[in-house]
Amino acid sequence: DLRMPEMNGRELCQMLRTQEGLEGLKIVILTAYSEEEAKEELVGLDYDSILSKPIPIRVFVDHLSSLLAK
């Protein structure tokens, strides 16, 4: 999530992308922001997709399944 205590989603994404051994990790941003607002917040970051909350669990699972199949 973009809004987390201690470390926000942007910081976490940056940290994960620099960790050795996690090069193929899929990063999904889950946020209360609209997709457009989130994209503005995440300019310059390497992430795989953005999902806006609330999101039905079935849509969430289908999205993750599709992403992992790539």
N, C-alpha and C. Protein backbone atom coordinates (compact mmCIF):
# COMPACT_ATOMS: atom_id res chain seq x y z
N ASP A 1 0.85 -1.17 0.00
CA ASP A 1 0.00 0.00 0.00
C ASP A 1 0.90 1.23 0.00
N LEU A 2 0.42 2.28 -0.61
CA LEU A 2 1.22 3.51 -0.61
C LEU A 2 1.23 4.18 0.75
N ARG A 3 0.15 4.02 1.49
CA ARG A 3 0.06 4.66 2.81
C ARG A 3 0.25 3.61 3.90
N MET A 4 1.46 3.53 4.40
CA MET A 4 1.78 2.61 5.49
C MET A 4 2.57 3.38 6.54
N PRO A 5 2.44 2.98 7.79
CA PRO A 5 3.28 3.61 8.81
C PRO A 5 4.73 3.12 8.67
N GLU A 6 5.64 3.83 9.24
CA GLU A 6 7.05 3.45 9.25
C GLU A 6 7.71 3.62 7.88
N MET A 7 7.26 2.86 6.89
CA MET A 7 7.84 2.91 5.55
C MET A 7 6.66 2.96 4.56
N ASN A 8 6.64 3.95 3.68
CA ASN A 8 5.52 4.00 2.74
C ASN A 8 5.77 3.05 1.56
N GLY A 9 4.76 2.89 0.74
CA GLY A 9 4.85 1.96 -0.38
C GLY A 9 5.92 2.30 -1.39
N ARG A 10 6.15 3.57 -1.59
CA ARG A 10 7.21 4.00 -2.51
C ARG A 10 8.57 3.53 -1.99
N GLU A 11 8.82 3.75 -0.72
CA GLU A 11 10.09 3.33 -0.12
C GLU A 11 10.25 1.81 -0.16
N LEU A 12 9.17 1.10 0.14
CA LEU A 12 9.22 -0.37 0.10
C LEU A 12 9.50 -0.87 -1.31
N CYS A 13 8.85 -0.30 -2.28
CA CYS A 13 9.07 -0.69 -3.67
C CYS A 13 10.53 -0.47 -4.06
N GLN A 14 11.08 0.68 -3.72
CA GLN A 14 12.48 0.98 -4.03
C GLN A 14 13.40 -0.03 -3.35
N MET A 15 13.13 -0.35 -2.09
CA MET A 15 13.96 -1.29 -1.35
C MET A 15 13.90 -2.68 -1.99
N LEU A 16 12.70 -3.14 -2.35
CA LEU A 16 12.57 -4.47 -2.94
C LEU A 16 13.29 -4.57 -4.28
N ARG A 17 13.25 -3.52 -5.06
CA ARG A 17 13.90 -3.54 -6.38
C ARG A 17 15.42 -3.54 -6.28
N THR A 18 15.97 -3.19 -5.14
CA THR A 18 17.43 -3.18 -5.00
C THR A 18 17.96 -4.41 -4.26
N GLN A 19 17.07 -5.29 -3.80
CA GLN A 19 17.50 -6.48 -3.06
C GLN A 19 17.98 -7.57 -4.02
N GLU A 20 19.17 -8.05 -3.78
CA GLU A 20 19.71 -9.14 -4.59
C GLU A 20 18.84 -10.38 -4.43
N GLY A 21 18.57 -11.04 -5.52
CA GLY A 21 17.76 -12.26 -5.49
C GLY A 21 16.28 -12.02 -5.70
N LEU A 22 15.85 -10.75 -5.72
CA LEU A 22 14.43 -10.45 -5.91
C LEU A 22 14.15 -9.82 -7.27
N GLU A 23 15.04 -10.02 -8.21
CA GLU A 23 14.92 -9.37 -9.51
C GLU A 23 13.60 -9.70 -10.22
N GLY A 24 13.09 -10.91 -10.07
CA GLY A 24 11.86 -11.32 -10.75
C GLY A 24 10.60 -11.10 -9.94
N LEU A 25 10.73 -10.47 -8.79
CA LEU A 25 9.59 -10.24 -7.91
C LEU A 25 8.54 -9.37 -8.58
N LYS A 26 7.29 -9.77 -8.50
CA LYS A 26 6.19 -8.96 -9.02
C LYS A 26 5.73 -8.02 -7.91
N ILE A 27 5.62 -6.74 -8.23
CA ILE A 27 5.18 -5.76 -7.24
C ILE A 27 3.84 -5.19 -7.69
N VAL A 28 2.83 -5.39 -6.83
CA VAL A 28 1.49 -4.87 -7.07
C VAL A 28 1.22 -3.80 -6.03
N ILE A 29 0.90 -2.61 -6.48
CA ILE A 29 0.57 -1.51 -5.58
C ILE A 29 -0.93 -1.57 -5.30
N LEU A 30 -1.29 -1.70 -4.06
CA LEU A 30 -2.68 -1.69 -3.63
C LEU A 30 -2.89 -0.40 -2.85
N THR A 31 -3.84 0.42 -3.30
CA THR A 31 -3.96 1.75 -2.71
C THR A 31 -5.38 2.27 -2.69
N ALA A 32 -5.63 3.20 -1.81
CA ALA A 32 -6.92 3.90 -1.76
C ALA A 32 -6.93 5.06 -2.75
N TYR A 33 -5.75 5.42 -3.27
CA TYR A 33 -5.68 6.45 -4.31
C TYR A 33 -6.36 5.93 -5.58
N SER A 34 -6.80 6.84 -6.44
CA SER A 34 -7.25 6.42 -7.76
C SER A 34 -6.01 5.97 -8.53
N GLU A 35 -6.21 5.24 -9.60
CA GLU A 35 -5.07 4.77 -10.39
C GLU A 35 -4.25 5.95 -10.91
N GLU A 36 -4.92 7.02 -11.32
CA GLU A 36 -4.21 8.19 -11.83
C GLU A 36 -3.36 8.85 -10.74
N GLU A 37 -3.94 9.00 -9.53
CA GLU A 37 -3.18 9.59 -8.42
C GLU A 37 -1.99 8.72 -8.05
N ALA A 38 -2.20 7.41 -8.03
CA ALA A 38 -1.12 6.49 -7.68
C ALA A 38 0.01 6.56 -8.70
N LYS A 39 -0.34 6.62 -9.97
CA LYS A 39 0.69 6.72 -11.01
C LYS A 39 1.53 7.98 -10.84
N GLU A 40 0.89 9.08 -10.46
CA GLU A 40 1.63 10.32 -10.20
C GLU A 40 2.59 10.14 -9.02
N GLU A 41 2.11 9.46 -7.99
CA GLU A 41 2.92 9.21 -6.78
C GLU A 41 4.10 8.28 -7.09
N LEU A 42 3.95 7.42 -8.07
CA LEU A 42 4.93 6.37 -8.33
C LEU A 42 5.81 6.63 -9.55
N VAL A 43 5.81 7.84 -10.06
CA VAL A 43 6.63 8.16 -11.23
C VAL A 43 8.07 7.74 -10.97
N GLY A 44 8.64 7.02 -11.92
CA GLY A 44 10.03 6.62 -11.82
C GLY A 44 10.26 5.30 -11.10
N LEU A 45 9.21 4.68 -10.58
CA LEU A 45 9.37 3.40 -9.90
C LEU A 45 9.09 2.24 -10.84
N ASP A 46 9.72 1.11 -10.56
CA ASP A 46 9.52 -0.10 -11.34
C ASP A 46 8.56 -1.02 -10.58
N TYR A 47 7.30 -1.01 -10.97
CA TYR A 47 6.28 -1.87 -10.36
C TYR A 47 5.51 -2.53 -11.49
N ASP A 48 4.74 -3.56 -11.16
CA ASP A 48 4.05 -4.33 -12.19
C ASP A 48 2.62 -3.89 -12.43
N SER A 49 1.91 -3.50 -11.39
CA SER A 49 0.53 -3.03 -11.58
C SER A 49 0.05 -2.27 -10.35
N ILE A 50 -1.06 -1.57 -10.56
CA ILE A 50 -1.71 -0.80 -9.50
C ILE A 50 -3.16 -1.27 -9.40
N LEU A 51 -3.62 -1.49 -8.19
CA LEU A 51 -5.02 -1.81 -7.94
C LEU A 51 -5.55 -0.82 -6.91
N SER A 52 -6.72 -0.27 -7.18
CA SER A 52 -7.34 0.68 -6.24
C SER A 52 -8.33 -0.03 -5.34
N LYS A 53 -8.27 0.31 -4.04
CA LYS A 53 -9.22 -0.24 -3.06
C LYS A 53 -10.49 0.60 -3.06
N PRO A 54 -11.59 0.02 -2.72
CA PRO A 54 -11.78 -1.40 -2.42
C PRO A 54 -11.82 -2.20 -3.72
N ILE A 55 -11.40 -3.45 -3.62
CA ILE A 55 -11.39 -4.33 -4.78
C ILE A 55 -11.99 -5.67 -4.37
N PRO A 56 -12.92 -6.17 -5.14
CA PRO A 56 -13.50 -7.49 -4.81
C PRO A 56 -12.41 -8.57 -4.81
N ILE A 57 -12.48 -9.47 -3.86
CA ILE A 57 -11.45 -10.50 -3.71
C ILE A 57 -11.27 -11.31 -4.98
N ARG A 58 -12.35 -11.62 -5.67
CA ARG A 58 -12.26 -12.41 -6.91
C ARG A 58 -11.45 -11.65 -7.98
N VAL A 59 -11.68 -10.36 -8.11
CA VAL A 59 -10.93 -9.54 -9.07
C VAL A 59 -9.46 -9.50 -8.67
N PHE A 60 -9.20 -9.37 -7.37
CA PHE A 60 -7.83 -9.33 -6.86
C PHE A 60 -7.10 -10.65 -7.19
N VAL A 61 -7.74 -11.77 -6.90
CA VAL A 61 -7.14 -13.08 -7.15
C VAL A 61 -6.92 -13.30 -8.64
N ASP A 62 -7.90 -12.96 -9.46
CA ASP A 62 -7.76 -13.11 -10.91
C ASP A 62 -6.61 -12.25 -11.45
N HIS A 63 -6.50 -11.04 -10.94
CA HIS A 63 -5.42 -10.14 -11.38
C HIS A 63 -4.06 -10.72 -11.01
N LEU A 64 -3.91 -11.18 -9.79
CA LEU A 64 -2.64 -11.76 -9.37
C LEU A 64 -2.31 -13.02 -10.15
N SER A 65 -3.32 -13.86 -10.38
CA SER A 65 -3.10 -15.09 -11.17
C SER A 65 -2.60 -14.75 -12.56
N SER A 66 -3.22 -13.77 -13.19
CA SER A 66 -2.82 -13.34 -14.52
C SER A 66 -1.40 -12.79 -14.53
N LEU A 67 -1.09 -11.99 -13.54
CA LEU A 67 0.25 -11.40 -13.44
C LEU A 67 1.31 -12.48 -13.24
N LEU A 68 1.02 -13.45 -12.40
CA LEU A 68 2.00 -14.51 -12.12
C LEU A 68 2.17 -15.47 -13.31
N ALA A 69 1.16 -15.55 -14.16
CA ALA A 69 1.24 -16.43 -15.33
C ALA A 69 2.16 -15.87 -16.41
N LYS A 70 2.45 -14.57 -16.33
CA LYS A 70 3.31 -13.94 -17.35
C LYS A 70 4.76 -14.29 -17.14
